[in-house]
């Protein structure tokens, strides 16, 4: 076996170990108390206070999953309908209910009203260990308050802690606000994103963790 083959095999083994450790965690955010609550000052002089919960799909209240679907439909349904993908509710519901899914959910302080969520997983993507963000949705009245950026930073913290190479996500090309949001956070078009000849309705974006 050549030196390069040995290095490649060792890297693959290391990635698998990192993924195994990450996926064994019931709550991978538990070691980072700074991301378990979110506070920000509002223009009217009051303060927004939220708490964050990180759970596996199996531990999520079914009502929360129904809310997540409705929120996705409100937020990005129009963009899906306006592109070649179309809005396919059954597929979206199936995606949100994947057994491997993990959810980071922002709730009001009473824990009764969810206001934002991100669905993610630790995975091997084209030979790279990644934290893949499948969804980030925020209720309209909680947008533009820094919450989405805070939740992405929480994902990045988990990715770095478990030695994931990148955080990867997918965004529709016609979702211009979403594209700008991720660019401001340092995300670029990933090398695995479809090329222009494929005329895909989406881009894959990513950010290196080290």
C-alpha atoms as a PDB file:
ATOM      1  CA  UNK A   1       0.000   0.000   0.000  1.00  0.00           C
ATOM      2  CA  UNK A   2       1.337   3.433  -0.970  1.00  0.00           C
ATOM      3  CA  UNK A   3       1.821   6.298   1.475  1.00  0.00           C
ATOM      4  CA  UNK A   4      -1.085   8.223  -0.078  1.00  0.00           C
ATOM      5  CA  UNK A   5      -3.367   5.191   0.215  1.00  0.00           C
ATOM      6  CA  UNK A   6      -2.373   4.764   3.861  1.00  0.00           C
ATOM      7  CA  UNK A   7      -3.089   8.439   4.587  1.00  0.00           C
ATOM      8  CA  UNK A   8      -6.455   8.220   2.822  1.00  0.00           C
ATOM      9  CA  UNK A   9      -7.419   5.110   4.765  1.00  0.00           C
ATOM     10  CA  UNK A  10      -6.364   6.685   8.063  1.00  0.00           C
ATOM     11  CA  UNK A  11      -8.387   9.809   7.255  1.00  0.00           C
ATOM     12  CA  UNK A  12     -11.446   7.713   6.441  1.00  0.00           C
ATOM     13  CA  UNK A  13     -11.088   5.790   9.715  1.00  0.00           C
ATOM     14  CA  UNK A  14     -10.769   9.047  11.654  1.00  0.00           C
ATOM     15  CA  UNK A  15     -13.873  10.467   9.959  1.00  0.00           C
ATOM     16  CA  UNK A  16     -15.889   7.370  10.770  1.00  0.00           C
ATOM     17  CA  UNK A  17     -14.850   7.566  14.427  1.00  0.00           C
ATOM     18  CA  UNK A  18     -15.828  11.234  14.624  1.00  0.00           C
ATOM     19  CA  UNK A  19     -19.208  10.511  13.058  1.00  0.00           C
ATOM     20  CA  UNK A  20     -19.776   7.578  15.394  1.00  0.00           C
ATOM     21  CA  UNK A  21     -19.070   9.707  18.458  1.00  0.00           C
ATOM     22  CA  UNK A  22     -21.289  12.555  17.194  1.00  0.00           C
ATOM     23  CA  UNK A  23     -24.189  10.281  16.330  1.00  0.00           C
ATOM     24  CA  UNK A  24     -24.081   8.595  19.734  1.00  0.00           C
ATOM     25  CA  UNK A  25     -24.900  11.883  21.459  1.00  0.00           C
ATOM     26  CA  UNK A  26     -28.511  12.225  22.533  1.00  0.00           C
ATOM     27  CA  UNK A  27     -28.030  15.985  22.880  1.00  0.00           C
ATOM     28  CA  UNK A  28     -24.872  17.214  21.116  1.00  0.00           C
ATOM     29  CA  UNK A  29     -25.553  20.778  22.281  1.00  0.00           C
ATOM     30  CA  UNK A  30     -25.530  19.922  25.995  1.00  0.00           C
ATOM     31  CA  UNK A  31     -21.876  20.902  26.456  1.00  0.00           C
ATOM     32  CA  UNK A  32     -22.474  24.429  25.189  1.00  0.00           C
ATOM     33  CA  UNK A  33     -24.754  26.237  27.668  1.00  0.00           C
ATOM     34  CA  UNK A  34     -24.173  29.527  25.844  1.00  0.00           C
ATOM     35  CA  UNK A  35     -26.397  28.198  23.056  1.00  0.00           C
ATOM     36  CA  UNK A  36     -29.236  26.947  25.247  1.00  0.00           C
ATOM     37  CA  UNK A  37     -30.856  30.378  25.473  1.00  0.00           C
ATOM     38  CA  UNK A  38     -31.099  33.435  23.257  1.00  0.00           C
ATOM     39  CA  UNK A  39     -31.656  37.028  24.293  1.00  0.00           C
ATOM     40  CA  UNK A  40     -31.703  40.246  22.331  1.00  0.00           C
ATOM     41  CA  UNK A  41     -32.930  43.802  22.860  1.00  0.00           C
ATOM     42  CA  UNK A  42     -35.927  44.887  20.806  1.00  0.00           C
ATOM     43  CA  UNK A  43     -36.569  48.373  19.388  1.00  0.00           C
ATOM     44  CA  UNK A  44     -39.430  48.976  21.837  1.00  0.00           C
ATOM     45  CA  UNK A  45     -37.054  48.622  24.774  1.00  0.00           C
ATOM     46  CA  UNK A  46     -38.145  45.119  25.737  1.00  0.00           C
ATOM     47  CA  UNK A  47     -36.022  41.994  25.541  1.00  0.00           C
ATOM     48  CA  UNK A  48     -36.636  38.868  23.505  1.00  0.00           C
ATOM     49  CA  UNK A  49     -35.918  35.740  25.532  1.00  0.00           C
ATOM     50  CA  UNK A  50     -35.973  32.252  24.046  1.00  0.00           C
ATOM     51  CA  UNK A  51     -34.663  28.845  25.008  1.00  0.00           C
ATOM     52  CA  UNK A  52     -33.218  26.253  22.639  1.00  0.00           C
ATOM     53  CA  UNK A  53     -33.693  22.501  22.683  1.00  0.00           C
ATOM     54  CA  UNK A  54     -31.707  19.953  20.681  1.00  0.00           C
ATOM     55  CA  UNK A  55     -33.463  16.614  20.202  1.00  0.00           C
ATOM     56  CA  UNK A  56     -33.592  13.563  17.990  1.00  0.00           C
ATOM     57  CA  UNK A  57     -36.664  13.190  15.795  1.00  0.00           C
ATOM     58  CA  UNK A  58     -37.887  10.324  17.995  1.00  0.00           C
ATOM     59  CA  UNK A  59     -37.978  12.681  20.996  1.00  0.00           C
ATOM     60  CA  UNK A  60     -39.810  15.542  19.278  1.00  0.00           C
ATOM     61  CA  UNK A  61     -43.471  16.181  20.045  1.00  0.00           C
ATOM     62  CA  UNK A  62     -45.566  15.295  16.934  1.00  0.00           C
ATOM     63  CA  UNK A  63     -47.263  18.703  17.264  1.00  0.00           C
ATOM     64  CA  UNK A  64     -43.891  20.364  16.864  1.00  0.00           C
ATOM     65  CA  UNK A  65     -43.233  18.382  13.683  1.00  0.00           C
ATOM     66  CA  UNK A  66     -46.611  19.465  12.289  1.00  0.00           C
ATOM     67  CA  UNK A  67     -45.752  23.067  13.126  1.00  0.00           C
ATOM     68  CA  UNK A  68     -42.355  22.672  11.429  1.00  0.00           C
ATOM     69  CA  UNK A  69     -44.033  21.509   8.227  1.00  0.00           C
ATOM     70  CA  UNK A  70     -46.514  24.396   8.254  1.00  0.00           C
ATOM     71  CA  UNK A  71     -43.713  26.890   8.888  1.00  0.00           C
ATOM     72  CA  UNK A  72     -41.656  25.510   5.996  1.00  0.00           C
ATOM     73  CA  UNK A  73     -44.736  25.731   3.757  1.00  0.00           C
ATOM     74  CA  UNK A  74     -45.281  29.378   4.716  1.00  0.00           C
ATOM     75  CA  UNK A  75     -41.646  30.386   4.435  1.00  0.00           C
ATOM     76  CA  UNK A  76     -40.363  28.563   1.360  1.00  0.00           C
ATOM     77  CA  UNK A  77     -43.457  27.045  -0.230  1.00  0.00           C
ATOM     78  CA  UNK A  78     -43.766  30.032  -2.613  1.00  0.00           C
ATOM     79  CA  UNK A  79     -40.135  29.644  -3.753  1.00  0.00           C
ATOM     80  CA  UNK A  80     -40.607  25.921  -4.350  1.00  0.00           C
ATOM     81  CA  UNK A  81     -43.774  26.551  -6.361  1.00  0.00           C
ATOM     82  CA  UNK A  82     -41.955  29.169  -8.447  1.00  0.00           C
ATOM     83  CA  UNK A  83     -39.121  26.820  -9.469  1.00  0.00           C
ATOM     84  CA  UNK A  84     -38.820  23.502 -11.264  1.00  0.00           C
ATOM     85  CA  UNK A  85     -38.989  21.497  -8.027  1.00  0.00           C
ATOM     86  CA  UNK A  86     -42.518  22.525  -7.125  1.00  0.00           C
ATOM     87  CA  UNK A  87     -43.973  22.243  -3.621  1.00  0.00           C
ATOM     88  CA  UNK A  88     -44.417  18.571  -2.751  1.00  0.00           C
ATOM     89  CA  UNK A  89     -45.999  18.357   0.717  1.00  0.00           C
ATOM     90  CA  UNK A  90     -45.784  14.583   1.076  1.00  0.00           C
ATOM     91  CA  UNK A  91     -42.068  14.600   0.301  1.00  0.00           C
ATOM     92  CA  UNK A  92     -41.472  17.491   2.708  1.00  0.00           C
ATOM     93  CA  UNK A  93     -43.383  15.718   5.487  1.00  0.00           C
ATOM     94  CA  UNK A  94     -41.418  12.530   4.854  1.00  0.00           C
ATOM     95  CA  UNK A  95     -38.141  14.474   4.984  1.00  0.00           C
ATOM     96  CA  UNK A  96     -39.021  16.116   8.291  1.00  0.00           C
ATOM     97  CA  UNK A  97     -39.857  12.701   9.746  1.00  0.00           C
ATOM     98  CA  UNK A  98     -36.625  10.936   8.767  1.00  0.00           C
ATOM     99  CA  UNK A  99     -35.580   8.709  11.693  1.00  0.00           C
ATOM    100  CA  UNK A 100     -32.039  10.117  11.622  1.00  0.00           C
ATOM    101  CA  UNK A 101     -33.160  13.750  11.825  1.00  0.00           C
ATOM    102  CA  UNK A 102     -32.033  16.001  14.642  1.00  0.00           C
ATOM    103  CA  UNK A 103     -33.776  19.231  15.546  1.00  0.00           C
ATOM    104  CA  UNK A 104     -32.611  22.414  17.178  1.00  0.00           C
ATOM    105  CA  UNK A 105     -35.784  24.267  18.180  1.00  0.00           C
ATOM    106  CA  UNK A 106     -36.129  27.757  19.649  1.00  0.00           C
ATOM    107  CA  UNK A 107     -39.058  28.083  22.069  1.00  0.00           C
ATOM    108  CA  UNK A 108     -40.573  30.873  24.115  1.00  0.00           C
ATOM    109  CA  UNK A 109     -39.393  30.865  27.733  1.00  0.00           C
ATOM    110  CA  UNK A 110     -42.537  29.031  28.836  1.00  0.00           C
ATOM    111  CA  UNK A 111     -41.653  26.219  26.451  1.00  0.00           C
ATOM    112  CA  UNK A 112     -45.089  26.299  24.844  1.00  0.00           C
ATOM    113  CA  UNK A 113     -44.545  28.057  21.526  1.00  0.00           C
ATOM    114  CA  UNK A 114     -41.836  27.048  19.025  1.00  0.00           C
ATOM    115  CA  UNK A 115     -40.630  29.984  16.940  1.00  0.00           C
ATOM    116  CA  UNK A 116     -37.745  28.583  14.858  1.00  0.00           C
ATOM    117  CA  UNK A 117     -36.068  25.305  14.016  1.00  0.00           C
ATOM    118  CA  UNK A 118     -33.217  23.778  12.121  1.00  0.00           C
ATOM    119  CA  UNK A 119     -33.132  20.131  11.027  1.00  0.00           C
ATOM    120  CA  UNK A 120     -29.681  18.589  10.673  1.00  0.00           C
ATOM    121  CA  UNK A 121     -27.585  15.447  10.839  1.00  0.00           C
ATOM    122  CA  UNK A 122     -23.975  14.339  11.146  1.00  0.00           C
ATOM    123  CA  UNK A 123     -23.093  12.521   7.948  1.00  0.00           C
ATOM    124  CA  UNK A 124     -20.489  11.506   5.397  1.00  0.00           C
ATOM    125  CA  UNK A 125     -20.915  13.674   2.303  1.00  0.00           C
ATOM    126  CA  UNK A 126     -18.804  12.838  -0.761  1.00  0.00           C
ATOM    127  CA  UNK A 127     -16.128  11.441   1.530  1.00  0.00           C
ATOM    128  CA  UNK A 128     -16.251  14.401   3.927  1.00  0.00           C
ATOM    129  CA  UNK A 129     -17.493  14.330   7.506  1.00  0.00           C
ATOM    130  CA  UNK A 130     -20.081  17.090   7.714  1.00  0.00           C
ATOM    131  CA  UNK A 131     -22.908  18.535   9.701  1.00  0.00           C
ATOM    132  CA  UNK A 132     -25.617  18.851   7.063  1.00  0.00           C
ATOM    133  CA  UNK A 133     -28.262  21.506   7.688  1.00  0.00           C
ATOM    134  CA  UNK A 134     -31.432  20.506   5.825  1.00  0.00           C
ATOM    135  CA  UNK A 135     -33.751  23.227   7.078  1.00  0.00           C
ATOM    136  CA  UNK A 136     -33.585  26.543   8.887  1.00  0.00           C
ATOM    137  CA  UNK A 137     -36.958  28.196   9.335  1.00  0.00           C
ATOM    138  CA  UNK A 138     -37.928  31.144  11.545  1.00  0.00           C
ATOM    139  CA  UNK A 139     -41.430  32.480  12.198  1.00  0.00           C
ATOM    140  CA  UNK A 140     -42.001  35.795  10.399  1.00  0.00           C
ATOM    141  CA  UNK A 141     -42.334  37.873  13.578  1.00  0.00           C
ATOM    142  CA  UNK A 142     -39.036  36.506  14.896  1.00  0.00           C
ATOM    143  CA  UNK A 143     -37.001  37.109  11.750  1.00  0.00           C
ATOM    144  CA  UNK A 144     -34.317  39.814  11.485  1.00  0.00           C
ATOM    145  CA  UNK A 145     -33.559  39.575  15.180  1.00  0.00           C
ATOM    146  CA  UNK A 146     -30.331  37.580  14.924  1.00  0.00           C
ATOM    147  CA  UNK A 147     -31.975  34.292  15.847  1.00  0.00           C
ATOM    148  CA  UNK A 148     -31.244  32.453  12.579  1.00  0.00           C
ATOM    149  CA  UNK A 149     -27.574  33.453  12.714  1.00  0.00           C
ATOM    150  CA  UNK A 150     -27.391  32.347  16.355  1.00  0.00           C
ATOM    151  CA  UNK A 151     -28.799  28.928  15.499  1.00  0.00           C
ATOM    152  CA  UNK A 152     -26.328  28.504  12.629  1.00  0.00           C
ATOM    153  CA  UNK A 153     -23.501  29.365  15.036  1.00  0.00           C
ATOM    154  CA  UNK A 154     -24.804  26.652  17.355  1.00  0.00           C
ATOM    155  CA  UNK A 155     -24.596  24.139  14.491  1.00  0.00           C
ATOM    156  CA  UNK A 156     -21.071  25.299  13.701  1.00  0.00           C
ATOM    157  CA  UNK A 157     -20.036  24.903  17.336  1.00  0.00           C
ATOM    158  CA  UNK A 158     -21.288  21.325  17.337  1.00  0.00           C
ATOM    159  CA  UNK A 159     -19.570  20.627  14.006  1.00  0.00           C
ATOM    160  CA  UNK A 160     -16.214  21.898  15.284  1.00  0.00           C
ATOM    161  CA  UNK A 161     -16.554  20.048  18.582  1.00  0.00           C
ATOM    162  CA  UNK A 162     -17.080  16.720  16.831  1.00  0.00           C
ATOM    163  CA  UNK A 163     -14.377  17.432  14.219  1.00  0.00           C
ATOM    164  CA  UNK A 164     -16.685  17.697  11.229  1.00  0.00           C
ATOM    165  CA  UNK A 165     -14.888  19.114   8.206  1.00  0.00           C
ATOM    166  CA  UNK A 166     -17.695  21.394   7.051  1.00  0.00           C
ATOM    167  CA  UNK A 167     -21.228  22.582   7.639  1.00  0.00           C
ATOM    168  CA  UNK A 168     -23.158  21.984   4.413  1.00  0.00           C
ATOM    169  CA  UNK A 169     -26.616  23.207   3.399  1.00  0.00           C
ATOM    170  CA  UNK A 170     -28.907  23.555   0.404  1.00  0.00           C
ATOM    171  CA  UNK A 171     -30.677  26.765  -0.596  1.00  0.00           C
ATOM    172  CA  UNK A 172     -32.987  27.525  -3.521  1.00  0.00           C
ATOM    173  CA  UNK A 173     -31.494  29.879  -6.082  1.00  0.00           C
ATOM    174  CA  UNK A 174     -34.658  31.988  -6.118  1.00  0.00           C
ATOM    175  CA  UNK A 175     -34.461  32.419  -2.331  1.00  0.00           C
ATOM    176  CA  UNK A 176     -32.325  35.541  -2.617  1.00  0.00           C
ATOM    177  CA  UNK A 177     -32.725  36.530   1.036  1.00  0.00           C
ATOM    178  CA  UNK A 178     -31.574  33.071   2.078  1.00  0.00           C
ATOM    179  CA  UNK A 179     -28.548  33.200  -0.217  1.00  0.00           C
ATOM    180  CA  UNK A 180     -27.504  36.582   1.182  1.00  0.00           C
ATOM    181  CA  UNK A 181     -28.062  35.397   4.751  1.00  0.00           C
ATOM    182  CA  UNK A 182     -25.703  32.437   4.381  1.00  0.00           C
ATOM    183  CA  UNK A 183     -23.128  34.492   2.490  1.00  0.00           C
ATOM    184  CA  UNK A 184     -23.026  36.987   5.353  1.00  0.00           C
ATOM    185  CA  UNK A 185     -22.265  34.084   7.685  1.00  0.00           C
ATOM    186  CA  UNK A 186     -19.295  33.036   5.551  1.00  0.00           C
ATOM    187  CA  UNK A 187     -20.862  30.289   3.424  1.00  0.00           C
ATOM    188  CA  UNK A 188     -19.764  29.842  -0.189  1.00  0.00           C
ATOM    189  CA  UNK A 189     -20.911  27.695  -3.091  1.00  0.00           C
ATOM    190  CA  UNK A 190     -19.700  24.177  -2.348  1.00  0.00           C
ATOM    191  CA  UNK A 191     -17.570  22.268  -4.840  1.00  0.00           C
ATOM    192  CA  UNK A 192     -20.308  19.629  -4.962  1.00  0.00           C
ATOM    193  CA  UNK A 193     -22.999  22.111  -5.974  1.00  0.00           C
ATOM    194  CA  UNK A 194     -24.544  21.394  -9.416  1.00  0.00           C
ATOM    195  CA  UNK A 195     -22.729  23.177 -12.230  1.00  0.00           C
ATOM    196  CA  UNK A 196     -24.455  25.693 -14.479  1.00  0.00           C
ATOM    197  CA  UNK A 197     -25.017  23.136 -17.231  1.00  0.00           C
ATOM    198  CA  UNK A 198     -27.240  21.098 -14.917  1.00  0.00           C
ATOM    199  CA  UNK A 199     -29.599  24.061 -14.467  1.00  0.00           C
ATOM    200  CA  UNK A 200     -30.525  22.957 -10.936  1.00  0.00           C
ATOM    201  CA  UNK A 201     -33.009  25.008  -8.902  1.00  0.00           C
ATOM    202  CA  UNK A 202     -30.724  25.014  -5.869  1.00  0.00           C
ATOM    203  CA  UNK A 203     -27.173  25.623  -4.729  1.00  0.00           C
ATOM    204  CA  UNK A 204     -25.176  23.651  -2.192  1.00  0.00           C
ATOM    205  CA  UNK A 205     -23.271  25.960   0.147  1.00  0.00           C
ATOM    206  CA  UNK A 206     -20.733  25.123   2.816  1.00  0.00           C
ATOM    207  CA  UNK A 207     -18.300  26.536   5.344  1.00  0.00           C
ATOM    208  CA  UNK A 208     -15.048  24.911   6.470  1.00  0.00           C
ATOM    209  CA  UNK A 209     -14.744  24.262  10.189  1.00  0.00           C
ATOM    210  CA  UNK A 210     -10.933  24.055  10.297  1.00  0.00           C
END
